[in-house]
PDB file of N, CA and C in Angstrom:
ATOM      1  N   UNK A   1     -40.838  75.797 141.129  1.00  0.00           N
ATOM      2  CA  UNK A   1     -39.644  76.354 141.701  1.00  0.00           C
ATOM      3  C   UNK A   1     -39.956  77.401 142.757  1.00  0.00           C
ATOM      4  N   UNK A   2     -41.199  77.452 143.198  1.00  0.00           N
ATOM      5  CA  UNK A   2     -41.545  78.429 144.213  1.00  0.00           C
ATOM      6  C   UNK A   2     -41.502  77.834 145.608  1.00  0.00           C
ATOM      7  N   UNK A   3     -41.288  76.527 145.711  1.00  0.00           N
ATOM      8  CA  UNK A   3     -41.207  75.895 147.022  1.00  0.00           C
ATOM      9  C   UNK A   3     -39.804  76.028 147.585  1.00  0.00           C
ATOM     10  N   UNK A   4     -39.712  76.063 148.887  1.00  0.00           N
ATOM     11  CA  UNK A   4     -38.429  76.120 149.565  1.00  0.00           C
ATOM     12  C   UNK A   4     -37.989  74.681 149.846  1.00  0.00           C
ATOM     13  N   UNK A   5     -36.999  74.193 149.109  1.00  0.00           N
ATOM     14  CA  UNK A   5     -36.647  72.781 149.186  1.00  0.00           C
ATOM     15  C   UNK A   5     -35.192  72.501 149.508  1.00  0.00           C
ATOM     16  N   UNK A   6     -34.280  73.419 149.236  1.00  0.00           N
ATOM     17  CA  UNK A   6     -32.854  73.130 149.388  1.00  0.00           C
ATOM     18  C   UNK A   6     -32.304  73.644 150.717  1.00  0.00           C
ATOM     19  N   UNK A   7     -31.694  72.748 151.469  1.00  0.00           N
ATOM     20  CA  UNK A   7     -31.033  73.142 152.712  1.00  0.00           C
ATOM     21  C   UNK A   7     -29.569  73.436 152.420  1.00  0.00           C
ATOM     22  N   UNK A   8     -28.894  74.025 153.396  1.00  0.00           N
ATOM     23  CA  UNK A   8     -27.455  74.276 153.237  1.00  0.00           C
ATOM     24  C   UNK A   8     -26.699  72.968 153.060  1.00  0.00           C
ATOM     25  N   UNK A   9     -27.136  71.919 153.737  1.00  0.00           N
ATOM     26  CA  UNK A   9     -26.479  70.619 153.608  1.00  0.00           C
ATOM     27  C   UNK A   9     -26.629  70.062 152.192  1.00  0.00           C
ATOM     28  N   UNK A  10     -27.794  70.258 151.591  1.00  0.00           N
ATOM     29  CA  UNK A  10     -28.008  69.785 150.221  1.00  0.00           C
ATOM     30  C   UNK A  10     -27.142  70.570 149.239  1.00  0.00           C
ATOM     31  N   UNK A  11     -26.994  71.872 149.476  1.00  0.00           N
ATOM     32  CA  UNK A  11     -26.144  72.696 148.613  1.00  0.00           C
ATOM     33  C   UNK A  11     -24.689  72.253 148.749  1.00  0.00           C
ATOM     34  N   UNK A  12     -24.268  71.974 149.986  1.00  0.00           N
ATOM     35  CA  UNK A  12     -22.900  71.503 150.217  1.00  0.00           C
ATOM     36  C   UNK A  12     -22.659  70.155 149.536  1.00  0.00           C
ATOM     37  N   UNK A  13     -23.617  69.250 149.645  1.00  0.00           N
ATOM     38  CA  UNK A  13     -23.462  67.926 149.034  1.00  0.00           C
ATOM     39  C   UNK A  13     -23.396  68.014 147.512  1.00  0.00           C
ATOM     40  N   UNK A  14     -24.163  68.917 146.929  1.00  0.00           N
ATOM     41  CA  UNK A  14     -24.203  69.033 145.469  1.00  0.00           C
ATOM     42  C   UNK A  14     -22.982  69.749 144.909  1.00  0.00           C
ATOM     43  N   UNK A  15     -22.482  70.746 145.633  1.00  0.00           N
ATOM     44  CA  UNK A  15     -21.388  71.553 145.092  1.00  0.00           C
ATOM     45  C   UNK A  15     -20.030  71.214 145.666  1.00  0.00           C
ATOM     46  N   UNK A  16     -19.993  70.706 146.885  1.00  0.00           N
ATOM     47  CA  UNK A  16     -18.724  70.445 147.548  1.00  0.00           C
ATOM     48  C   UNK A  16     -18.107  71.700 148.137  1.00  0.00           C
ATOM     49  N   UNK A  17     -18.828  72.813 148.085  1.00  0.00           N
ATOM     50  CA  UNK A  17     -18.318  74.067 148.619  1.00  0.00           C
ATOM     51  C   UNK A  17     -18.397  74.051 150.142  1.00  0.00           C
ATOM     52  N   UNK A  18     -17.499  74.772 150.764  1.00  0.00           N
ATOM     53  CA  UNK A  18     -17.464  74.859 152.218  1.00  0.00           C
ATOM     54  C   UNK A  18     -18.475  75.885 152.728  1.00  0.00           C
ATOM     55  N   UNK A  19     -18.623  75.914 154.056  1.00  0.00           N
ATOM     56  CA  UNK A  19     -19.632  76.753 154.703  1.00  0.00           C
ATOM     57  C   UNK A  19     -19.527  78.221 154.292  1.00  0.00           C
ATOM     58  N   UNK A  20     -18.331  78.761 154.290  1.00  0.00           N
ATOM     59  CA  UNK A  20     -18.170  80.187 154.011  1.00  0.00           C
ATOM     60  C   UNK A  20     -18.641  80.546 152.595  1.00  0.00           C
ATOM     61  N   UNK A  21     -18.306  79.725 151.623  1.00  0.00           N
ATOM     62  CA  UNK A  21     -18.726  80.005 150.245  1.00  0.00           C
ATOM     63  C   UNK A  21     -20.239  79.896 150.106  1.00  0.00           C
ATOM     64  N   UNK A  22     -20.831  78.920 150.760  1.00  0.00           N
ATOM     65  CA  UNK A  22     -22.293  78.766 150.706  1.00  0.00           C
ATOM     66  C   UNK A  22     -22.968  79.949 151.392  1.00  0.00           C
ATOM     67  N   UNK A  23     -22.429  80.377 152.535  1.00  0.00           N
ATOM     68  CA  UNK A  23     -22.993  81.528 153.242  1.00  0.00           C
ATOM     69  C   UNK A  23     -22.906  82.783 152.377  1.00  0.00           C
ATOM     70  N   UNK A  24     -21.781  82.970 151.705  1.00  0.00           N
ATOM     71  CA  UNK A  24     -21.623  84.125 150.821  1.00  0.00           C
ATOM     72  C   UNK A  24     -22.617  84.053 149.664  1.00  0.00           C
ATOM     73  N   UNK A  25     -22.815  82.858 149.136  1.00  0.00           N
ATOM     74  CA  UNK A  25     -23.780  82.661 148.051  1.00  0.00           C
ATOM     75  C   UNK A  25     -25.184  83.095 148.492  1.00  0.00           C
ATOM     76  N   UNK A  26     -25.542  82.766 149.705  1.00  0.00           N
ATOM     77  CA  UNK A  26     -26.877  83.062 150.227  1.00  0.00           C
ATOM     78  C   UNK A  26     -27.010  84.526 150.647  1.00  0.00           C
ATOM     79  N   UNK A  27     -25.965  85.098 151.211  1.00  0.00           N
ATOM     80  CA  UNK A  27     -26.051  86.424 151.817  1.00  0.00           C
ATOM     81  C   UNK A  27     -25.763  87.594 150.877  1.00  0.00           C
ATOM     82  N   UNK A  28     -24.954  87.424 149.850  1.00  0.00           N
ATOM     83  CA  UNK A  28     -24.492  88.571 149.051  1.00  0.00           C
ATOM     84  C   UNK A  28     -25.001  88.510 147.633  1.00  0.00           C
ATOM     85  N   UNK A  29     -25.414  89.563 147.013  1.00  0.00           N
ATOM     86  CA  UNK A  29     -25.425  90.952 147.454  1.00  0.00           C
ATOM     87  C   UNK A  29     -26.598  91.272 148.373  1.00  0.00           C
ATOM     88  N   UNK A  30     -27.583  90.378 148.492  1.00  0.00           N
ATOM     89  CA  UNK A  30     -28.676  90.525 149.456  1.00  0.00           C
ATOM     90  C   UNK A  30     -29.086  89.114 149.854  1.00  0.00           C
ATOM     91  N   UNK A  31     -29.685  88.980 151.013  1.00  0.00           N
ATOM     92  CA  UNK A  31     -30.049  87.666 151.530  1.00  0.00           C
ATOM     93  C   UNK A  31     -31.210  87.077 150.741  1.00  0.00           C
ATOM     94  N   UNK A  32     -31.076  85.815 150.373  1.00  0.00           N
ATOM     95  CA  UNK A  32     -32.147  85.119 149.668  1.00  0.00           C
ATOM     96  C   UNK A  32     -33.298  84.813 150.624  1.00  0.00           C
ATOM     97  N   UNK A  33     -34.502  84.736 150.072  1.00  0.00           N
ATOM     98  CA  UNK A  33     -35.659  84.342 150.873  1.00  0.00           C
ATOM     99  C   UNK A  33     -35.485  82.909 151.326  1.00  0.00           C
ATOM    100  N   UNK A  34     -35.971  82.624 152.519  1.00  0.00           N
ATOM    101  CA  UNK A  34     -35.883  81.262 153.040  1.00  0.00           C
ATOM    102  C   UNK A  34     -37.044  81.004 153.978  1.00  0.00           C
ATOM    103  N   UNK A  35     -37.264  79.752 154.261  1.00  0.00           N
ATOM    104  CA  UNK A  35     -38.271  79.317 155.228  1.00  0.00           C
ATOM    105  C   UNK A  35     -37.633  78.243 156.097  1.00  0.00           C
ATOM    106  N   UNK A  36     -38.132  78.117 157.320  1.00  0.00           N
ATOM    107  CA  UNK A  36     -37.666  77.077 158.215  1.00  0.00           C
ATOM    108  C   UNK A  36     -38.680  75.946 158.239  1.00  0.00           C
ATOM    109  N   UNK A  37     -38.171  74.716 158.341  1.00  0.00           N
ATOM    110  CA  UNK A  37     -39.057  73.583 158.558  1.00  0.00           C
ATOM    111  C   UNK A  37     -39.706  73.757 159.924  1.00  0.00           C
ATOM    112  N   UNK A  38     -40.908  73.233 160.105  1.00  0.00           N
ATOM    113  CA  UNK A  38     -41.527  73.344 161.422  1.00  0.00           C
ATOM    114  C   UNK A  38     -40.762  72.510 162.451  1.00  0.00           C
ATOM    115  N   UNK A  39     -40.844  72.939 163.691  1.00  0.00           N
ATOM    116  CA  UNK A  39     -40.192  72.207 164.770  1.00  0.00           C
ATOM    117  C   UNK A  39     -40.896  70.875 164.989  1.00  0.00           C
ATOM    118  N   UNK A  40     -40.152  69.912 165.450  1.00  0.00           N
ATOM    119  CA  UNK A  40     -40.732  68.622 165.794  1.00  0.00           C
ATOM    120  C   UNK A  40     -41.482  68.713 167.111  1.00  0.00           C
ATOM    121  N   UNK A  41     -42.113  67.622 167.529  1.00  0.00           N
ATOM    122  CA  UNK A  41     -42.880  67.658 168.775  1.00  0.00           C
ATOM    123  C   UNK A  41     -42.006  67.923 169.998  1.00  0.00           C
ATOM    124  N   UNK A  42     -40.712  67.588 169.910  1.00  0.00           N
ATOM    125  CA  UNK A  42     -39.801  67.838 171.025  1.00  0.00           C
ATOM    126  C   UNK A  42     -38.990  69.107 170.817  1.00  0.00           C
ATOM    127  N   UNK A  43     -39.289  69.847 169.753  1.00  0.00           N
ATOM    128  CA  UNK A  43     -38.562  71.078 169.475  1.00  0.00           C
ATOM    129  C   UNK A  43     -37.310  70.807 168.672  1.00  0.00           C
ATOM    130  N   UNK A  44     -36.615  71.873 168.316  1.00  0.00           N
ATOM    131  CA  UNK A  44     -35.366  71.743 167.568  1.00  0.00           C
ATOM    132  C   UNK A  44     -35.591  71.218 166.166  1.00  0.00           C
ATOM    133  N   UNK A  45     -34.512  70.894 165.488  1.00  0.00           N
ATOM    134  CA  UNK A  45     -34.614  70.292 164.176  1.00  0.00           C
ATOM    135  C   UNK A  45     -35.089  71.224 163.082  1.00  0.00           C
ATOM    136  N   UNK A  46     -34.990  72.519 163.298  1.00  0.00           N
ATOM    137  CA  UNK A  46     -35.465  73.464 162.286  1.00  0.00           C
ATOM    138  C   UNK A  46     -34.395  73.645 161.225  1.00  0.00           C
ATOM    139  N   UNK A  47     -34.718  73.272 160.011  1.00  0.00           N
ATOM    140  CA  UNK A  47     -33.797  73.395 158.893  1.00  0.00           C
ATOM    141  C   UNK A  47     -34.232  74.550 158.009  1.00  0.00           C
ATOM    142  N   UNK A  48     -33.289  75.421 157.678  1.00  0.00           N
ATOM    143  CA  UNK A  48     -33.582  76.543 156.787  1.00  0.00           C
ATOM    144  C   UNK A  48     -33.520  76.046 155.354  1.00  0.00           C
ATOM    145  N   UNK A  49     -34.524  76.388 154.554  1.00  0.00           N
ATOM    146  CA  UNK A  49     -34.589  75.930 153.166  1.00  0.00           C
ATOM    147  C   UNK A  49     -34.700  77.118 152.217  1.00  0.00           C
ATOM    148  N   UNK A  50     -34.138  76.931 151.009  1.00  0.00           N
ATOM    149  CA  UNK A  50     -34.090  77.973 149.991  1.00  0.00           C
ATOM    150  C   UNK A  50     -34.719  77.454 148.704  1.00  0.00           C
ATOM    151  N   UNK A  51     -35.078  78.371 147.809  1.00  0.00           N
ATOM    152  CA  UNK A  51     -35.664  77.996 146.517  1.00  0.00           C
ATOM    153  C   UNK A  51     -34.575  77.541 145.554  1.00  0.00           C
ATOM    154  N   UNK A  52     -34.883  76.530 144.777  1.00  0.00           N
ATOM    155  CA  UNK A  52     -33.950  76.012 143.777  1.00  0.00           C
ATOM    156  C   UNK A  52     -33.593  77.087 142.764  1.00  0.00           C
ATOM    157  N   UNK A  53     -34.567  77.815 142.252  1.00  0.00           N
ATOM    158  CA  UNK A  53     -34.313  78.836 141.240  1.00  0.00           C
ATOM    159  C   UNK A  53     -33.387  79.933 141.727  1.00  0.00           C
ATOM    160  N   UNK A  54     -33.559  80.339 142.986  1.00  0.00           N
ATOM    161  CA  UNK A  54     -32.694  81.380 143.543  1.00  0.00           C
ATOM    162  C   UNK A  54     -31.252  80.897 143.660  1.00  0.00           C
ATOM    163  N   UNK A  55     -31.082  79.671 144.154  1.00  0.00           N
ATOM    164  CA  UNK A  55     -29.734  79.117 144.328  1.00  0.00           C
ATOM    165  C   UNK A  55     -29.064  78.916 142.977  1.00  0.00           C
ATOM    166  N   UNK A  56     -29.801  78.393 142.001  1.00  0.00           N
ATOM    167  CA  UNK A  56     -29.204  78.177 140.677  1.00  0.00           C
ATOM    168  C   UNK A  56     -28.791  79.494 140.030  1.00  0.00           C
ATOM    169  N   UNK A  57     -29.628  80.507 140.156  1.00  0.00           N
ATOM    170  CA  UNK A  57     -29.298  81.805 139.553  1.00  0.00           C
ATOM    171  C   UNK A  57     -28.035  82.389 140.162  1.00  0.00           C
ATOM    172  N   UNK A  58     -27.896  82.302 141.476  1.00  0.00           N
ATOM    173  CA  UNK A  58     -26.700  82.832 142.125  1.00  0.00           C
ATOM    174  C   UNK A  58     -25.479  81.977 141.835  1.00  0.00           C
ATOM    175  N   UNK A  59     -25.644  80.668 141.894  1.00  0.00           N
ATOM    176  CA  UNK A  59     -24.498  79.772 141.734  1.00  0.00           C
ATOM    177  C   UNK A  59     -23.933  79.827 140.313  1.00  0.00           C
ATOM    178  N   UNK A  60     -24.785  80.029 139.332  1.00  0.00           N
ATOM    179  CA  UNK A  60     -24.306  80.074 137.951  1.00  0.00           C
ATOM    180  C   UNK A  60     -23.412  81.275 137.676  1.00  0.00           C
ATOM    181  N   UNK A  61     -23.426  82.257 138.531  1.00  0.00           N
ATOM    182  CA  UNK A  61     -22.526  83.401 138.361  1.00  0.00           C
ATOM    183  C   UNK A  61     -21.130  83.103 138.882  1.00  0.00           C
ATOM    184  N   UNK A  62     -20.963  82.007 139.604  1.00  0.00           N
ATOM    185  CA  UNK A  62     -19.665  81.638 140.170  1.00  0.00           C
ATOM    186  C   UNK A  62     -18.859  80.846 139.156  1.00  0.00           C
ATOM    187  N   UNK A  63     -17.586  81.132 139.104  1.00  0.00           N
ATOM    188  CA  UNK A  63     -16.706  80.497 138.124  1.00  0.00           C
ATOM    189  C   UNK A  63     -16.569  78.995 138.370  1.00  0.00           C
ATOM    190  N   UNK A  64     -16.566  78.567 139.616  1.00  0.00           N
ATOM    191  CA  UNK A  64     -16.341  77.160 139.951  1.00  0.00           C
ATOM    192  C   UNK A  64     -17.593  76.294 139.766  1.00  0.00           C
ATOM    193  N   UNK A  65     -18.727  76.888 139.440  1.00  0.00           N
ATOM    194  CA  UNK A  65     -19.978  76.139 139.312  1.00  0.00           C
ATOM    195  C   UNK A  65     -20.025  75.414 137.976  1.00  0.00           C
ATOM    196  N   UNK A  66     -20.397  74.128 138.013  1.00  0.00           N
ATOM    197  CA  UNK A  66     -20.481  73.330 136.796  1.00  0.00           C
ATOM    198  C   UNK A  66     -21.909  72.828 136.596  1.00  0.00           C
ATOM    199  N   UNK A  67     -22.178  72.325 135.403  1.00  0.00           N
ATOM    200  CA  UNK A  67     -23.511  71.794 135.113  1.00  0.00           C
ATOM    201  C   UNK A  67     -23.801  70.530 135.914  1.00  0.00           C
ATOM    202  N   UNK A  68     -22.783  69.750 136.252  1.00  0.00           N
ATOM    203  CA  UNK A  68     -23.026  68.563 137.076  1.00  0.00           C
ATOM    204  C   UNK A  68     -23.502  68.974 138.470  1.00  0.00           C
ATOM    205  N   UNK A  69     -23.003  70.102 138.976  1.00  0.00           N
ATOM    206  CA  UNK A  69     -23.494  70.624 140.253  1.00  0.00           C
ATOM    207  C   UNK A  69     -24.958  71.027 140.130  1.00  0.00           C
ATOM    208  N   UNK A  70     -25.309  71.645 139.010  1.00  0.00           N
ATOM    209  CA  UNK A  70     -26.700  72.046 138.784  1.00  0.00           C
ATOM    210  C   UNK A  70     -27.610  70.826 138.758  1.00  0.00           C
ATOM    211  N   UNK A  71     -27.168  69.768 138.109  1.00  0.00           N
ATOM    212  CA  UNK A  71     -27.974  68.545 138.050  1.00  0.00           C
ATOM    213  C   UNK A  71     -28.154  67.938 139.431  1.00  0.00           C
ATOM    214  N   UNK A  72     -27.114  67.992 140.269  1.00  0.00           N
ATOM    215  CA  UNK A  72     -27.240  67.458 141.626  1.00  0.00           C
ATOM    216  C   UNK A  72     -28.185  68.305 142.477  1.00  0.00           C
ATOM    217  N   UNK A  73     -28.161  69.621 142.283  1.00  0.00           N
ATOM    218  CA  UNK A  73     -29.102  70.475 143.000  1.00  0.00           C
ATOM    219  C   UNK A  73     -30.543  70.181 142.581  1.00  0.00           C
ATOM    220  N   UNK A  74     -30.742  69.971 141.293  1.00  0.00           N
ATOM    221  CA  UNK A  74     -32.083  69.642 140.784  1.00  0.00           C
ATOM    222  C   UNK A  74     -32.535  68.289 141.331  1.00  0.00           C
ATOM    223  N   UNK A  75     -31.612  67.339 141.416  1.00  0.00           N
ATOM    224  CA  UNK A  75     -31.946  66.017 141.971  1.00  0.00           C
ATOM    225  C   UNK A  75     -32.297  66.122 143.456  1.00  0.00           C
ATOM    226  N   UNK A  76     -31.577  66.961 144.204  1.00  0.00           N
ATOM    227  CA  UNK A  76     -31.888  67.150 145.622  1.00  0.00           C
ATOM    228  C   UNK A  76     -33.268  67.786 145.790  1.00  0.00           C
ATOM    229  N   UNK A  77     -33.600  68.722 144.914  1.00  0.00           N
ATOM    230  CA  UNK A  77     -34.917  69.360 144.939  1.00  0.00           C
ATOM    231  C   UNK A  77     -36.005  68.324 144.660  1.00  0.00           C
ATOM    232  N   UNK A  78     -35.780  67.489 143.655  1.00  0.00           N
ATOM    233  CA  UNK A  78     -36.767  66.460 143.309  1.00  0.00           C
ATOM    234  C   UNK A  78     -36.933  65.444 144.434  1.00  0.00           C
ATOM    235  N   UNK A  79     -35.835  65.078 145.083  1.00  0.00           N
ATOM    236  CA  UNK A  79     -35.915  64.115 146.184  1.00  0.00           C
ATOM    237  C   UNK A  79     -36.710  64.699 147.350  1.00  0.00           C
ATOM    238  N   UNK A  80     -36.513  65.963 147.643  1.00  0.00           N
ATOM    239  CA  UNK A  80     -37.264  66.594 148.730  1.00  0.00           C
ATOM    240  C   UNK A  80     -38.747  66.644 148.399  1.00  0.00           C
ATOM    241  N   UNK A  81     -39.067  67.001 147.164  1.00  0.00           N
ATOM    242  CA  UNK A  81     -40.474  67.068 146.758  1.00  0.00           C
ATOM    243  C   UNK A  81     -41.136  65.697 146.773  1.00  0.00           C
ATOM    244  N   UNK A  82     -40.361  64.671 146.460  1.00  0.00           N
ATOM    245  CA  UNK A  82     -40.891  63.314 146.437  1.00  0.00           C
ATOM    246  C   UNK A  82     -41.195  62.818 147.844  1.00  0.00           C
ATOM    247  N   UNK A  83     -40.464  63.334 148.822  1.00  0.00           N
ATOM    248  CA  UNK A  83     -40.709  62.925 150.190  1.00  0.00           C
ATOM    249  C   UNK A  83     -39.504  62.322 150.864  1.00  0.00           C
ATOM    250  N   UNK A  84     -38.399  62.176 150.147  1.00  0.00           N
ATOM    251  CA  UNK A  84     -37.165  61.659 150.725  1.00  0.00           C
ATOM    252  C   UNK A  84     -36.406  62.820 151.339  1.00  0.00           C
ATOM    253  N   UNK A  85     -37.006  63.415 152.370  1.00  0.00           N
ATOM    254  CA  UNK A  85     -36.453  64.638 152.953  1.00  0.00           C
ATOM    255  C   UNK A  85     -35.125  64.363 153.624  1.00  0.00           C
ATOM    256  N   UNK A  86     -34.246  65.372 153.553  1.00  0.00           N
ATOM    257  CA  UNK A  86     -32.898  65.225 154.081  1.00  0.00           C
ATOM    258  C   UNK A  86     -32.847  65.649 155.528  1.00  0.00           C
TER     259      UNK A  86
END
């Protein structure tokens, strides 16, 4: 759980939450650590990624978060680690 694997798009797909709620999850009460994917040979394409453990810890404090959302986040993490990058 120390790898940076979850993108904002993966969090949105797993939870169904909109941009503002995801941004609040990441930013408050302090910004979570993140890393960017390296740029491609033509530049651009940098995706910001977060740790699964950090996202799960923050999301579980939210009332609307369910265990099925947690399972989808874990599945997205596993897919990224396997190589089916999003």
